[in-house]
Amino acid sequence: MKTLIVIAGPTASGKTAAAIKVAKALNTVIINADSRQFYKEMSIGTAAPTPKELQEVKHYFVHHISILDDYDVAQYEQDVIKLLKKLFQDHDHVILTGGSGLFIDAVCKGIDAMPDIEESIRNKVERLYKEGGINALQEEVKRLDPDYWAIVDQKNPRRLQRALEVCYQTGKTFTSFRTNTGVKREFNIVKYALLWDKQELYNRINKRVEIMLSQGLVDEARRLYPYRRRNALNTVGYKELFDYFDGKCSLEEAVEQIKLNTRHYAKRQMTWLRKDQDYQWVTAKEITANYNGEL
C-alpha cells in the first residue's frame, strides 16, 4: 500500500535535514507542512529549505503563494490530497514534513466539521478584538477553553477569534469540535516526531535565531514591514522586529523576545504532538538509519 511518511517535530529540531535524507533513500519527494514556508516573500525568518536543499529533493508547497494571497488549512488539505493521488502513481512513499500540526492533521485526518457562525457572533468577537486587543481574546479563550489555550498559537488573533466564535455560537468549547476521529485515507500513514532533550532544543533555537540574523533577517523584515497587518506576518521572528521598527524596543530586546517566543512556540508544538498517540518519537539519526536499512 502507498505510504505517507510524516516527519514532525518542534521548530529547529532538524525536520528538513531528516526529510531530505529519507527522501533520498526512498527516491521520493517532500511535501511541506510548515504554513509559513508557503509564502515566497518569507525565507530567512521561516527557515525555509535553502536553494541547495530544494535542488537535492523536489519539494512541494514551498514559496508557492504570496503573503497577499488568502490561503487556509481547508484549501491546503484539498491541494495536498489531490497532489498525493498524482505522486503515488510514481512513488510508493511520499514525505510530509513541517511544524504546523493543524496542517499535518488536515492531511492525515481531514478537518473536523465546525458549526456555522452567525454574523452577530462574528461581529461580537470582532468588537472584542478591536476594543480590547489580543489580550482580550487571550483572556476569553483561556477562560472558556483552557485545553485549546494550551496548544493554540496564543499570538495569532485569527485562531483565537475562531475559537471564541464557536464557543459563543454553541456554548461548547472549540476543543469539543476537534474530535480528530478523522477520515479514512486511501494510503497508509506512518508518523514520526523528532525527539530532543529540552535544553539541547532550546540551544538549537537560540543558535538558529543568531544564524537568521547573520543571514539578513532584519532586512527581510524591513522589506515586509508595509504588509505587517497580513496574517502571514503574524509570525515569530517578524512581529518582534516590527515592534523594533515601531520604536517599542531595542534591537537587542527584539532578538531576545524572538528567542523566547520561539521557545514558547516549540513547547506548544510538543504539546500538540504528544496528544496524538500515532507518533513514534525518534531521534533524527534513528529515522534516517531506519530508511537506510541500518536498524
Protein backbone atom coordinates (compact mmCIF):
# COMPACT_ATOMS: atom_id res chain seq x y z
CA MET A 1 0.00 0.00 0.00
CA LYS A 2 1.20 3.53 -0.74
CA THR A 3 2.61 5.23 2.35
CA LEU A 4 2.78 8.82 3.55
CA ILE A 5 5.70 9.28 5.94
CA VAL A 6 5.17 12.19 8.32
CA ILE A 7 8.24 13.75 9.91
CA ALA A 8 7.09 16.25 12.52
CA GLY A 9 8.67 17.95 15.49
CA PRO A 10 9.20 21.32 17.13
CA THR A 11 10.93 24.19 15.41
CA ALA A 12 14.71 23.77 14.98
CA SER A 13 14.52 20.00 15.51
CA GLY A 14 16.07 19.16 12.15
CA LYS A 15 12.96 18.10 10.22
CA THR A 16 14.14 19.37 6.84
CA ALA A 17 17.50 17.61 7.00
CA ALA A 18 15.92 14.34 8.16
CA ALA A 19 13.22 14.51 5.48
CA ILE A 20 15.79 15.07 2.74
CA LYS A 21 17.85 12.07 3.86
CA VAL A 22 14.78 9.82 3.97
CA ALA A 23 13.52 11.13 0.62
CA LYS A 24 16.90 10.38 -0.99
CA ALA A 25 16.95 6.88 0.47
CA LEU A 26 13.47 6.20 -0.93
CA ASN A 27 13.97 8.15 -4.15
CA THR A 28 10.88 10.23 -3.47
CA VAL A 29 9.67 13.80 -2.89
CA ILE A 30 8.73 16.07 0.02
CA ILE A 31 5.52 17.94 0.75
CA ASN A 32 5.97 20.90 3.09
CA ALA A 33 3.63 21.27 6.06
CA ASP A 34 5.07 24.44 7.56
CA SER A 35 2.39 27.02 6.82
CA ARG A 36 4.76 30.00 6.94
CA GLN A 37 7.10 28.47 4.38
CA PHE A 38 4.29 28.68 1.83
CA TYR A 39 4.99 32.38 1.32
CA LYS A 40 7.60 33.31 -1.25
CA GLU A 41 8.46 36.61 0.45
CA MET A 42 9.39 34.88 3.72
CA SER A 43 12.58 32.80 3.55
CA ILE A 44 15.00 33.66 6.33
CA GLY A 45 12.55 34.07 9.19
CA THR A 46 10.74 30.82 8.38
CA ALA A 47 13.91 28.72 7.99
CA ALA A 48 12.64 27.59 4.61
CA PRO A 49 14.68 24.99 2.73
CA THR A 50 17.68 26.57 1.05
CA PRO A 51 18.06 26.65 -2.75
CA LYS A 52 20.60 23.83 -2.38
CA GLU A 53 18.15 21.72 -0.36
CA LEU A 54 15.40 22.38 -2.86
CA GLN A 55 17.70 21.12 -5.61
CA GLU A 56 18.59 17.97 -3.69
CA VAL A 57 14.99 16.78 -3.41
CA LYS A 58 11.82 18.00 -5.09
CA HIS A 59 9.69 19.99 -2.59
CA TYR A 60 6.04 20.96 -2.93
CA PHE A 61 4.26 23.83 -1.16
CA VAL A 62 7.39 25.87 -0.54
CA HIS A 63 7.13 29.51 -1.64
CA HIS A 64 4.13 28.71 -3.85
CA ILE A 65 1.96 31.67 -2.79
CA SER A 66 2.32 35.33 -1.77
CA ILE A 67 1.64 36.98 1.56
CA LEU A 68 -1.07 38.88 -0.33
CA ASP A 69 -2.92 35.65 -1.10
CA ASP A 70 -5.63 34.18 1.11
CA TYR A 71 -4.88 30.54 1.84
CA ASP A 72 -6.16 28.36 4.65
CA VAL A 73 -5.89 24.85 6.01
CA ALA A 74 -9.02 23.66 4.17
CA GLN A 75 -7.55 24.66 0.81
CA TYR A 76 -4.24 23.08 1.77
CA GLU A 77 -5.94 19.79 2.58
CA GLN A 78 -7.67 19.72 -0.80
CA ASP A 79 -4.48 20.65 -2.66
CA VAL A 80 -2.32 18.05 -0.92
CA ILE A 81 -4.78 15.17 -1.28
CA LYS A 82 -5.12 15.99 -4.98
CA LEU A 83 -1.33 16.10 -5.36
CA LEU A 84 -0.83 12.84 -3.47
CA LYS A 85 -3.06 10.99 -5.93
CA LYS A 86 -0.64 12.01 -8.67
CA LEU A 87 2.55 11.43 -6.68
CA PHE A 88 1.55 7.93 -5.60
CA GLN A 89 1.35 6.93 -9.26
CA ASP A 90 5.15 7.21 -9.40
CA HIS A 91 6.22 6.75 -5.77
CA ASP A 92 5.47 4.13 -3.13
CA HIS A 93 6.37 6.63 -0.40
CA VAL A 94 5.94 10.39 -0.07
CA ILE A 95 7.32 12.53 2.78
CA LEU A 96 5.20 15.13 4.59
CA THR A 97 7.20 17.35 6.93
CA GLY A 98 6.77 20.59 8.84
CA GLY A 99 5.92 22.15 12.15
CA SER A 100 2.28 23.14 11.57
CA GLY A 101 0.37 20.42 13.40
CA LEU A 102 -3.01 21.63 12.22
CA PHE A 103 -1.95 21.29 8.57
CA ILE A 104 -0.46 17.83 9.13
CA ASP A 105 -3.66 16.71 10.84
CA ALA A 106 -5.74 18.06 7.96
CA VAL A 107 -3.86 15.82 5.52
CA CYS A 108 -3.82 12.76 7.77
CA LYS A 109 -7.28 13.00 9.34
CA GLY A 110 -9.30 15.59 7.46
CA ILE A 111 -10.82 18.69 9.02
CA ASP A 112 -13.46 18.47 11.70
CA ALA A 113 -16.83 19.91 10.72
CA MET A 114 -17.31 23.21 12.53
CA PRO A 115 -20.67 24.88 13.17
CA ASP A 116 -21.81 27.80 11.04
CA ILE A 117 -21.31 31.11 12.80
CA GLU A 118 -23.98 33.81 12.80
CA GLU A 119 -22.91 37.25 11.66
CA SER A 120 -23.87 38.74 15.03
CA ILE A 121 -21.42 36.39 16.75
CA ARG A 122 -18.64 37.28 14.33
CA ASN A 123 -19.31 40.96 14.96
CA LYS A 124 -19.24 40.38 18.73
CA VAL A 125 -15.83 38.73 18.56
CA GLU A 126 -14.53 41.39 16.18
CA ARG A 127 -15.64 44.14 18.60
CA LEU A 128 -13.88 42.36 21.44
CA TYR A 129 -10.67 42.36 19.43
CA LYS A 130 -10.96 45.99 18.33
CA GLU A 131 -11.77 47.26 21.83
CA GLY A 132 -9.55 45.02 23.94
CA GLY A 133 -6.84 43.93 21.54
CA ILE A 134 -5.28 40.49 21.50
CA ASN A 135 -5.13 40.45 25.31
CA ALA A 136 -8.94 40.39 25.47
CA LEU A 137 -9.05 37.44 23.05
CA GLN A 138 -6.39 35.59 25.02
CA GLU A 139 -8.21 36.01 28.34
CA GLU A 140 -11.51 34.79 26.87
CA VAL A 141 -10.01 31.70 25.23
CA LYS A 142 -8.08 30.90 28.38
CA ARG A 143 -11.32 31.18 30.39
CA LEU A 144 -13.68 29.37 28.02
CA ASP A 145 -11.42 26.67 26.56
CA PRO A 146 -8.24 26.06 28.61
CA ASP A 147 -7.46 22.87 26.66
CA TYR A 148 -7.28 24.77 23.38
CA TRP A 149 -5.39 27.60 25.08
CA ALA A 150 -2.63 25.11 25.92
CA ILE A 151 -1.93 24.29 22.27
CA VAL A 152 -3.07 27.31 20.21
CA ASP A 153 -0.68 29.90 18.81
CA GLN A 154 -1.51 32.40 21.54
CA LYS A 155 -0.28 35.37 19.49
CA ASN A 156 -2.46 34.55 16.46
CA PRO A 157 -5.65 36.64 16.70
CA ARG A 158 -7.47 34.78 13.92
CA ARG A 159 -7.05 31.41 15.67
CA LEU A 160 -8.28 32.95 18.92
CA GLN A 161 -11.23 34.63 17.23
CA ARG A 162 -12.28 31.40 15.55
CA ALA A 163 -12.27 29.54 18.86
CA LEU A 164 -14.35 32.24 20.53
CA GLU A 165 -16.85 32.30 17.67
CA VAL A 166 -17.51 28.60 18.18
CA CYS A 167 -17.71 28.98 21.97
CA TYR A 168 -20.19 31.86 21.75
CA GLN A 169 -22.25 30.24 19.00
CA THR A 170 -22.65 26.82 20.64
CA GLY A 171 -21.95 27.23 24.33
CA LYS A 172 -19.41 24.42 23.94
CA THR A 173 -15.64 24.51 23.76
CA PHE A 174 -13.83 24.76 20.46
CA THR A 175 -11.86 21.69 21.56
CA SER A 176 -15.04 19.61 21.70
CA PHE A 177 -15.50 20.03 17.95
CA ARG A 178 -11.93 18.98 17.22
CA THR A 179 -12.75 15.30 17.56
CA ASN A 180 -9.85 14.11 15.41
CA THR A 181 -11.85 10.99 14.58
CA GLY A 182 -10.65 11.54 11.07
CA VAL A 183 -11.44 10.33 7.62
CA LYS A 184 -10.02 7.11 6.22
CA ARG A 185 -7.35 7.92 3.68
CA GLU A 186 -6.59 5.68 0.71
CA PHE A 187 -2.96 5.39 1.75
CA ASN A 188 -1.03 4.20 4.77
CA ILE A 189 0.35 6.81 7.18
CA VAL A 190 3.48 6.43 9.34
CA LYS A 191 4.16 9.29 11.75
CA TYR A 192 7.44 10.24 13.38
CA ALA A 193 8.18 13.10 15.78
CA LEU A 194 11.77 14.16 16.35
CA LEU A 195 12.94 13.75 19.92
CA TRP A 196 15.30 16.20 21.65
CA ASP A 197 16.40 17.00 25.15
CA LYS A 198 14.64 20.25 26.07
CA GLN A 199 17.79 22.23 26.81
CA GLU A 200 19.51 20.98 23.66
CA LEU A 201 16.49 22.03 21.61
CA TYR A 202 16.44 25.47 23.24
CA ASN A 203 20.14 25.87 22.46
CA ARG A 204 19.43 24.97 18.83
CA ILE A 205 16.63 27.55 18.74
CA ASN A 206 18.87 30.29 20.12
CA LYS A 207 21.61 29.41 17.63
CA ARG A 208 19.13 29.36 14.74
CA VAL A 209 17.95 32.87 15.61
CA GLU A 210 21.54 34.10 15.54
CA ILE A 211 22.08 32.44 12.16
CA MET A 212 18.91 34.07 10.79
CA LEU A 213 20.18 37.46 11.90
CA SER A 214 23.51 36.88 10.18
CA GLN A 215 21.64 35.90 7.01
CA GLY A 216 19.75 39.21 6.92
CA LEU A 217 16.55 38.67 8.92
CA VAL A 218 16.33 42.34 9.91
CA ASP A 219 16.47 43.47 6.27
CA GLU A 220 13.91 40.84 5.26
CA ALA A 221 11.53 42.01 8.00
CA ARG A 222 12.06 45.64 6.99
CA ARG A 223 11.02 44.84 3.42
CA LEU A 224 7.88 43.16 4.74
CA TYR A 225 7.05 45.89 7.27
CA PRO A 226 4.49 47.63 4.98
CA TYR A 227 2.49 44.37 4.96
CA ARG A 228 2.71 43.71 8.70
CA ARG A 229 -1.10 43.51 9.08
CA ARG A 230 -1.28 40.45 6.84
CA ASN A 231 -1.99 37.27 8.78
CA ALA A 232 1.05 35.56 7.26
CA LEU A 233 3.30 38.05 9.05
CA ASN A 234 1.77 37.50 12.46
CA THR A 235 4.73 35.21 12.98
CA VAL A 236 7.55 34.86 15.47
CA GLY A 237 10.68 36.50 14.10
CA TYR A 238 8.85 39.20 12.21
CA LYS A 239 6.39 40.72 14.67
CA GLU A 240 9.14 41.29 17.25
CA LEU A 241 11.21 43.15 14.66
CA PHE A 242 8.14 45.17 13.66
CA ASP A 243 7.99 46.33 17.30
CA TYR A 244 11.65 47.35 16.99
CA PHE A 245 10.89 49.32 13.81
CA ASP A 246 8.00 50.99 15.67
CA GLY A 247 10.40 52.12 18.40
CA LYS A 248 8.78 49.94 21.06
CA CYS A 249 12.03 48.15 21.94
CA SER A 250 15.71 47.98 21.07
CA LEU A 251 17.07 45.51 18.54
CA GLU A 252 18.70 43.54 21.35
CA GLU A 253 15.37 43.31 23.17
CA ALA A 254 13.62 42.22 19.96
CA VAL A 255 16.16 39.46 19.41
CA GLU A 256 15.77 38.14 22.95
CA GLN A 257 11.98 38.21 22.51
CA ILE A 258 12.29 36.23 19.28
CA LYS A 259 14.28 33.56 21.10
CA LEU A 260 11.81 33.47 23.99
CA ASN A 261 8.72 33.35 21.77
CA THR A 262 10.27 30.66 19.59
CA ARG A 263 10.94 28.52 22.67
CA HIS A 264 7.32 29.02 23.74
CA TYR A 265 6.16 28.05 20.26
CA ALA A 266 8.27 24.88 20.37
CA LYS A 267 6.67 23.97 23.69
CA ARG A 268 3.17 24.32 22.19
CA GLN A 269 4.22 22.20 19.21
CA MET A 270 5.37 19.46 21.57
CA THR A 271 2.07 19.62 23.46
CA TRP A 272 0.15 19.25 20.20
CA LEU A 273 2.21 16.28 19.03
CA ARG A 274 2.03 14.43 22.35
CA LYS A 275 -1.76 14.42 22.15
CA ASP A 276 -1.51 12.17 19.08
CA GLN A 277 -0.61 8.60 20.07
CA ASP A 278 0.18 7.66 16.47
CA TYR A 279 3.54 9.43 16.57
CA GLN A 280 6.71 7.43 17.12
CA TRP A 281 9.24 9.59 18.97
CA VAL A 282 12.68 9.05 17.49
CA THR A 283 15.92 10.92 17.01
CA ALA A 284 16.80 12.25 13.58
CA LYS A 285 19.60 9.69 13.39
CA GLU A 286 17.22 6.82 14.13
CA ILE A 287 14.72 7.75 11.46
CA THR A 288 17.32 8.22 8.73
CA ALA A 289 19.05 5.00 9.72
CA ASN A 290 15.71 3.18 9.59
CA TYR A 291 15.11 4.13 5.98
CA ASN A 292 18.68 3.34 5.03
CA GLY A 293 18.13 -0.18 6.29
CA GLU A 294 20.52 0.16 9.21
CA LEU A 295 18.12 -0.58 12.05
